[in-house]
């Protein structure tokens, strides 16, 4: 269980929620809107994914970077944002008994909120919730030019089995590298080497 705290740090508006429940409920709400995650489209990325792939057995988790690749011909940013706001409002009410309207949820709990829609091939949104010690980034992607700068942060761990394979006692974990060569990327990770294949795309 993790704290979902307001930006002000007010303990009276802090509640606990597991990352799994948060994502599971968000995806349920998106499906009701006919915004469907793609096959193997729920992924853990970022430093936590890289630490898991490194296989050292020592994983320090300060944040979770979750990407949900959605299959939709329409860029329904406002629908996604509303689903996220409604979810946090419901969790705050269930946990604390407080009623917040959606603009209040956005102002109180969303530590970051970004929308990028610069082209047909680069279209995504992101929110951040959590507290000062641990944050959860949820990125909803319609399309993206590239999800990494260097090979060492190109790792993505498929999380679908943790949500869609309830009967499996131990879900199979699938790790991929969007760099294109997972063995090379893992070697770069273990040797602390920074490599990129298209420097002009680094942002």
C-alpha atoms as a PDB file:
ATOM      1  CA  UNK A   1       0.000   0.000   0.000  1.00  0.00           C
ATOM      2  CA  UNK A   2       1.252   3.460  -0.880  1.00  0.00           C
ATOM      3  CA  UNK A   3       0.289   6.922   0.285  1.00  0.00           C
ATOM      4  CA  UNK A   4      -1.638   9.135  -2.092  1.00  0.00           C
ATOM      5  CA  UNK A   5      -1.018  12.549  -0.588  1.00  0.00           C
ATOM      6  CA  UNK A   6      -1.999  16.062  -1.581  1.00  0.00           C
ATOM      7  CA  UNK A   7       0.707  18.355  -2.853  1.00  0.00           C
ATOM      8  CA  UNK A   8       0.383  20.315   0.389  1.00  0.00           C
ATOM      9  CA  UNK A   9       1.293  17.235   2.437  1.00  0.00           C
ATOM     10  CA  UNK A  10      -1.897  17.560   4.514  1.00  0.00           C
ATOM     11  CA  UNK A  11      -2.176  14.230   6.426  1.00  0.00           C
ATOM     12  CA  UNK A  12      -5.934  14.681   6.728  1.00  0.00           C
ATOM     13  CA  UNK A  13      -6.217  14.294   2.950  1.00  0.00           C
ATOM     14  CA  UNK A  14      -3.771  11.385   2.639  1.00  0.00           C
ATOM     15  CA  UNK A  15      -5.043   7.890   1.905  1.00  0.00           C
ATOM     16  CA  UNK A  16      -3.473   4.545   1.069  1.00  0.00           C
ATOM     17  CA  UNK A  17      -3.899   2.584  -2.135  1.00  0.00           C
ATOM     18  CA  UNK A  18      -1.955  -0.199  -3.820  1.00  0.00           C
ATOM     19  CA  UNK A  19      -0.504   0.537  -7.244  1.00  0.00           C
ATOM     20  CA  UNK A  20      -2.129  -2.643  -8.560  1.00  0.00           C
ATOM     21  CA  UNK A  21      -5.599  -1.597  -7.418  1.00  0.00           C
ATOM     22  CA  UNK A  22      -5.120   1.919  -8.759  1.00  0.00           C
ATOM     23  CA  UNK A  23      -4.163   0.657 -12.218  1.00  0.00           C
ATOM     24  CA  UNK A  24      -6.752  -2.114 -12.283  1.00  0.00           C
ATOM     25  CA  UNK A  25      -9.549   0.303 -11.442  1.00  0.00           C
ATOM     26  CA  UNK A  26      -8.307   2.906 -13.918  1.00  0.00           C
ATOM     27  CA  UNK A  27      -8.240   0.351 -16.723  1.00  0.00           C
ATOM     28  CA  UNK A  28     -11.743  -0.796 -15.800  1.00  0.00           C
ATOM     29  CA  UNK A  29     -12.960   2.787 -16.101  1.00  0.00           C
ATOM     30  CA  UNK A  30     -11.156   3.277 -19.418  1.00  0.00           C
ATOM     31  CA  UNK A  31     -12.719   0.119 -20.827  1.00  0.00           C
ATOM     32  CA  UNK A  32     -16.157   1.442 -19.900  1.00  0.00           C
ATOM     33  CA  UNK A  33     -15.295   4.415 -22.111  1.00  0.00           C
ATOM     34  CA  UNK A  34     -14.199   2.027 -24.884  1.00  0.00           C
ATOM     35  CA  UNK A  35     -10.586   3.100 -24.419  1.00  0.00           C
ATOM     36  CA  UNK A  36      -8.881  -0.279 -24.489  1.00  0.00           C
ATOM     37  CA  UNK A  37      -5.282  -1.121 -23.560  1.00  0.00           C
ATOM     38  CA  UNK A  38      -3.463  -2.848 -26.407  1.00  0.00           C
ATOM     39  CA  UNK A  39      -2.318  -6.458 -26.115  1.00  0.00           C
ATOM     40  CA  UNK A  40       0.713  -6.445 -23.790  1.00  0.00           C
ATOM     41  CA  UNK A  41       0.164  -2.703 -23.552  1.00  0.00           C
ATOM     42  CA  UNK A  42       0.463  -2.275 -19.773  1.00  0.00           C
ATOM     43  CA  UNK A  43       4.131  -1.782 -19.019  1.00  0.00           C
ATOM     44  CA  UNK A  44       6.563  -0.837 -16.283  1.00  0.00           C
ATOM     45  CA  UNK A  45       9.334   1.392 -17.599  1.00  0.00           C
ATOM     46  CA  UNK A  46      11.989   3.674 -16.171  1.00  0.00           C
ATOM     47  CA  UNK A  47      14.537   3.061 -13.418  1.00  0.00           C
ATOM     48  CA  UNK A  48      12.552   0.343 -11.643  1.00  0.00           C
ATOM     49  CA  UNK A  49      12.292  -1.704 -14.847  1.00  0.00           C
ATOM     50  CA  UNK A  50      16.026  -1.256 -15.432  1.00  0.00           C
ATOM     51  CA  UNK A  51      16.850  -2.426 -11.898  1.00  0.00           C
ATOM     52  CA  UNK A  52      14.732  -5.552 -12.368  1.00  0.00           C
ATOM     53  CA  UNK A  53      16.376  -6.355 -15.707  1.00  0.00           C
ATOM     54  CA  UNK A  54      19.839  -5.825 -14.174  1.00  0.00           C
ATOM     55  CA  UNK A  55      19.080  -8.808 -11.951  1.00  0.00           C
ATOM     56  CA  UNK A  56      21.243  -7.757  -9.026  1.00  0.00           C
ATOM     57  CA  UNK A  57      18.530  -8.636  -6.525  1.00  0.00           C
ATOM     58  CA  UNK A  58      18.622  -5.120  -5.113  1.00  0.00           C
ATOM     59  CA  UNK A  59      15.729  -2.970  -6.266  1.00  0.00           C
ATOM     60  CA  UNK A  60      15.266   0.472  -4.734  1.00  0.00           C
ATOM     61  CA  UNK A  61      11.826   1.734  -5.635  1.00  0.00           C
ATOM     62  CA  UNK A  62      11.215   5.460  -5.333  1.00  0.00           C
ATOM     63  CA  UNK A  63       8.720   5.631  -8.155  1.00  0.00           C
ATOM     64  CA  UNK A  64       6.757   3.515 -10.580  1.00  0.00           C
ATOM     65  CA  UNK A  65       6.608   4.593 -14.208  1.00  0.00           C
ATOM     66  CA  UNK A  66       3.625   2.891 -15.808  1.00  0.00           C
ATOM     67  CA  UNK A  67       2.786   3.190 -19.486  1.00  0.00           C
ATOM     68  CA  UNK A  68      -0.585   2.131 -20.876  1.00  0.00           C
ATOM     69  CA  UNK A  69      -0.604   1.861 -24.661  1.00  0.00           C
ATOM     70  CA  UNK A  70      -4.194   2.292 -25.797  1.00  0.00           C
ATOM     71  CA  UNK A  71      -5.843   1.238 -29.022  1.00  0.00           C
ATOM     72  CA  UNK A  72      -8.009   4.115 -30.182  1.00  0.00           C
ATOM     73  CA  UNK A  73      -8.226   6.125 -33.404  1.00  0.00           C
ATOM     74  CA  UNK A  74      -9.260   9.182 -31.379  1.00  0.00           C
ATOM     75  CA  UNK A  75      -7.147  11.258 -28.986  1.00  0.00           C
ATOM     76  CA  UNK A  76      -9.581  11.287 -26.061  1.00  0.00           C
ATOM     77  CA  UNK A  77      -7.428  13.179 -23.601  1.00  0.00           C
ATOM     78  CA  UNK A  78     -10.272  14.796 -21.691  1.00  0.00           C
ATOM     79  CA  UNK A  79     -12.052  11.464 -21.219  1.00  0.00           C
ATOM     80  CA  UNK A  80      -8.874   9.908 -19.828  1.00  0.00           C
ATOM     81  CA  UNK A  81      -8.233  12.840 -17.504  1.00  0.00           C
ATOM     82  CA  UNK A  82     -11.811  12.729 -16.247  1.00  0.00           C
ATOM     83  CA  UNK A  83     -11.532   8.980 -15.571  1.00  0.00           C
ATOM     84  CA  UNK A  84      -8.339   9.593 -13.579  1.00  0.00           C
ATOM     85  CA  UNK A  85      -9.883  12.458 -11.604  1.00  0.00           C
ATOM     86  CA  UNK A  86     -13.059  10.490 -10.880  1.00  0.00           C
ATOM     87  CA  UNK A  87     -11.013   7.541  -9.665  1.00  0.00           C
ATOM     88  CA  UNK A  88      -8.975   9.622  -7.214  1.00  0.00           C
ATOM     89  CA  UNK A  89     -12.146  11.391  -6.044  1.00  0.00           C
ATOM     90  CA  UNK A  90     -13.792   8.020  -5.374  1.00  0.00           C
ATOM     91  CA  UNK A  91     -10.762   6.687  -3.511  1.00  0.00           C
ATOM     92  CA  UNK A  92     -10.574   9.825  -1.372  1.00  0.00           C
ATOM     93  CA  UNK A  93     -14.256   9.514  -0.540  1.00  0.00           C
ATOM     94  CA  UNK A  94     -14.058   5.781   0.228  1.00  0.00           C
ATOM     95  CA  UNK A  95     -10.950   6.182   2.401  1.00  0.00           C
ATOM     96  CA  UNK A  96     -11.497   9.543   4.046  1.00  0.00           C
ATOM     97  CA  UNK A  97     -15.155  10.390   3.542  1.00  0.00           C
ATOM     98  CA  UNK A  98     -14.294  13.674   1.834  1.00  0.00           C
ATOM     99  CA  UNK A  99     -16.089  14.904  -1.265  1.00  0.00           C
ATOM    100  CA  UNK A 100     -14.007  16.668  -3.885  1.00  0.00           C
ATOM    101  CA  UNK A 101     -15.087  17.903  -7.277  1.00  0.00           C
ATOM    102  CA  UNK A 102     -12.880  17.114 -10.246  1.00  0.00           C
ATOM    103  CA  UNK A 103     -11.032  20.468 -10.428  1.00  0.00           C
ATOM    104  CA  UNK A 104     -10.257  20.071  -6.713  1.00  0.00           C
ATOM    105  CA  UNK A 105      -8.871  16.579  -7.293  1.00  0.00           C
ATOM    106  CA  UNK A 106      -6.657  17.932 -10.062  1.00  0.00           C
ATOM    107  CA  UNK A 107      -5.363  20.787  -7.918  1.00  0.00           C
ATOM    108  CA  UNK A 108      -4.942  18.773  -4.705  1.00  0.00           C
ATOM    109  CA  UNK A 109      -3.625  15.361  -5.758  1.00  0.00           C
ATOM    110  CA  UNK A 110      -2.053  15.595  -9.214  1.00  0.00           C
ATOM    111  CA  UNK A 111       1.604  16.365  -8.627  1.00  0.00           C
ATOM    112  CA  UNK A 112       2.199  16.555 -12.342  1.00  0.00           C
ATOM    113  CA  UNK A 113      -0.009  16.511 -15.413  1.00  0.00           C
ATOM    114  CA  UNK A 114       1.246  16.630 -18.986  1.00  0.00           C
ATOM    115  CA  UNK A 115      -0.348  16.329 -22.397  1.00  0.00           C
ATOM    116  CA  UNK A 116       1.674  16.011 -25.597  1.00  0.00           C
ATOM    117  CA  UNK A 117      -0.126  16.002 -28.914  1.00  0.00           C
ATOM    118  CA  UNK A 118       2.407  17.457 -31.333  1.00  0.00           C
ATOM    119  CA  UNK A 119       1.802  15.072 -34.195  1.00  0.00           C
ATOM    120  CA  UNK A 120      -0.013  11.917 -35.208  1.00  0.00           C
ATOM    121  CA  UNK A 121       3.051   9.923 -34.119  1.00  0.00           C
ATOM    122  CA  UNK A 122       3.555  11.669 -30.781  1.00  0.00           C
ATOM    123  CA  UNK A 123       0.434  11.737 -28.671  1.00  0.00           C
ATOM    124  CA  UNK A 124       0.276  10.895 -24.956  1.00  0.00           C
ATOM    125  CA  UNK A 125      -0.680  12.169 -21.507  1.00  0.00           C
ATOM    126  CA  UNK A 126       0.736  11.635 -18.021  1.00  0.00           C
ATOM    127  CA  UNK A 127      -0.292  12.163 -14.403  1.00  0.00           C
ATOM    128  CA  UNK A 128       1.737  11.763 -11.210  1.00  0.00           C
ATOM    129  CA  UNK A 129       0.283  10.877  -7.798  1.00  0.00           C
ATOM    130  CA  UNK A 130       1.880   9.757  -4.532  1.00  0.00           C
ATOM    131  CA  UNK A 131       3.868  11.523  -1.849  1.00  0.00           C
ATOM    132  CA  UNK A 132       7.354  12.973  -1.314  1.00  0.00           C
ATOM    133  CA  UNK A 133       8.887   9.503  -0.812  1.00  0.00           C
ATOM    134  CA  UNK A 134       7.150   7.547  -3.584  1.00  0.00           C
ATOM    135  CA  UNK A 135       5.321   8.520  -6.755  1.00  0.00           C
ATOM    136  CA  UNK A 136       3.332   6.723  -9.428  1.00  0.00           C
ATOM    137  CA  UNK A 137       3.503   8.066 -12.978  1.00  0.00           C
ATOM    138  CA  UNK A 138       0.724   6.839 -15.247  1.00  0.00           C
ATOM    139  CA  UNK A 139       1.347   7.578 -18.904  1.00  0.00           C
ATOM    140  CA  UNK A 140      -1.396   6.869 -21.428  1.00  0.00           C
ATOM    141  CA  UNK A 141       0.017   6.559 -24.927  1.00  0.00           C
ATOM    142  CA  UNK A 142      -1.800   6.784 -28.239  1.00  0.00           C
ATOM    143  CA  UNK A 143       1.451   7.051 -30.191  1.00  0.00           C
ATOM    144  CA  UNK A 144       5.037   7.952 -29.412  1.00  0.00           C
ATOM    145  CA  UNK A 145       8.105   8.637 -31.515  1.00  0.00           C
ATOM    146  CA  UNK A 146      10.425   6.948 -29.027  1.00  0.00           C
ATOM    147  CA  UNK A 147      10.065   6.099 -25.349  1.00  0.00           C
ATOM    148  CA  UNK A 148      13.735   6.287 -24.350  1.00  0.00           C
ATOM    149  CA  UNK A 149      16.869   8.383 -24.773  1.00  0.00           C
ATOM    150  CA  UNK A 150      19.575   5.797 -24.078  1.00  0.00           C
ATOM    151  CA  UNK A 151      19.592   2.016 -24.319  1.00  0.00           C
ATOM    152  CA  UNK A 152      19.841   1.707 -20.522  1.00  0.00           C
ATOM    153  CA  UNK A 153      16.391   3.244 -20.098  1.00  0.00           C
ATOM    154  CA  UNK A 154      14.772   1.378 -22.978  1.00  0.00           C
ATOM    155  CA  UNK A 155      13.550  -1.553 -20.871  1.00  0.00           C
ATOM    156  CA  UNK A 156       9.850  -2.279 -20.576  1.00  0.00           C
ATOM    157  CA  UNK A 157       8.312  -5.034 -18.437  1.00  0.00           C
ATOM    158  CA  UNK A 158       4.939  -6.322 -19.605  1.00  0.00           C
ATOM    159  CA  UNK A 159       2.437  -6.234 -16.737  1.00  0.00           C
ATOM    160  CA  UNK A 160      -0.600  -7.696 -18.514  1.00  0.00           C
ATOM    161  CA  UNK A 161      -0.264 -11.123 -16.798  1.00  0.00           C
ATOM    162  CA  UNK A 162      -0.690  -9.441 -13.415  1.00  0.00           C
ATOM    163  CA  UNK A 163      -4.077  -8.083 -14.486  1.00  0.00           C
ATOM    164  CA  UNK A 164      -5.459 -10.635 -16.941  1.00  0.00           C
ATOM    165  CA  UNK A 165      -4.101 -13.970 -15.703  1.00  0.00           C
ATOM    166  CA  UNK A 166      -5.794 -14.373 -12.333  1.00  0.00           C
ATOM    167  CA  UNK A 167      -5.553 -18.167 -12.361  1.00  0.00           C
ATOM    168  CA  UNK A 168      -1.776 -18.241 -12.667  1.00  0.00           C
ATOM    169  CA  UNK A 169      -0.063 -18.493  -9.287  1.00  0.00           C
ATOM    170  CA  UNK A 170       3.144 -17.021 -10.679  1.00  0.00           C
ATOM    171  CA  UNK A 171       2.583 -14.768 -13.703  1.00  0.00           C
ATOM    172  CA  UNK A 172       5.289 -14.937 -16.341  1.00  0.00           C
ATOM    173  CA  UNK A 173       7.297 -11.737 -16.481  1.00  0.00           C
ATOM    174  CA  UNK A 174       8.253 -10.537 -19.959  1.00  0.00           C
ATOM    175  CA  UNK A 175      10.981  -7.917 -20.363  1.00  0.00           C
ATOM    176  CA  UNK A 176      11.655  -6.157 -23.645  1.00  0.00           C
ATOM    177  CA  UNK A 177      13.929  -3.400 -24.865  1.00  0.00           C
ATOM    178  CA  UNK A 178      12.670  -0.817 -27.315  1.00  0.00           C
ATOM    179  CA  UNK A 179      16.322  -0.237 -28.202  1.00  0.00           C
ATOM    180  CA  UNK A 180      15.928  -3.302 -30.425  1.00  0.00           C
ATOM    181  CA  UNK A 181      18.672  -5.504 -28.950  1.00  0.00           C
ATOM    182  CA  UNK A 182      17.935  -6.473 -25.358  1.00  0.00           C
ATOM    183  CA  UNK A 183      21.264  -8.281 -24.866  1.00  0.00           C
ATOM    184  CA  UNK A 184      23.228  -5.215 -25.964  1.00  0.00           C
ATOM    185  CA  UNK A 185      21.054  -2.926 -23.857  1.00  0.00           C
ATOM    186  CA  UNK A 186      21.526  -5.163 -20.812  1.00  0.00           C
ATOM    187  CA  UNK A 187      25.287  -5.123 -21.366  1.00  0.00           C
ATOM    188  CA  UNK A 188      25.194  -1.315 -21.547  1.00  0.00           C
ATOM    189  CA  UNK A 189      23.209  -1.324 -18.291  1.00  0.00           C
ATOM    190  CA  UNK A 190      25.630  -3.622 -16.474  1.00  0.00           C
ATOM    191  CA  UNK A 191      28.696  -1.730 -17.722  1.00  0.00           C
ATOM    192  CA  UNK A 192      27.102   1.690 -17.153  1.00  0.00           C
ATOM    193  CA  UNK A 193      27.563   2.666 -20.787  1.00  0.00           C
ATOM    194  CA  UNK A 194      25.386   5.315 -22.419  1.00  0.00           C
ATOM    195  CA  UNK A 195      24.470   4.418 -25.996  1.00  0.00           C
ATOM    196  CA  UNK A 196      21.830   5.858 -28.277  1.00  0.00           C
ATOM    197  CA  UNK A 197      21.037   4.980 -31.864  1.00  0.00           C
ATOM    198  CA  UNK A 198      19.426   8.280 -32.901  1.00  0.00           C
ATOM    199  CA  UNK A 199      20.991  11.220 -31.028  1.00  0.00           C
ATOM    200  CA  UNK A 200      18.768  13.753 -32.800  1.00  0.00           C
ATOM    201  CA  UNK A 201      15.703  12.290 -31.060  1.00  0.00           C
ATOM    202  CA  UNK A 202      17.070  12.890 -27.557  1.00  0.00           C
ATOM    203  CA  UNK A 203      14.916  15.499 -25.875  1.00  0.00           C
END
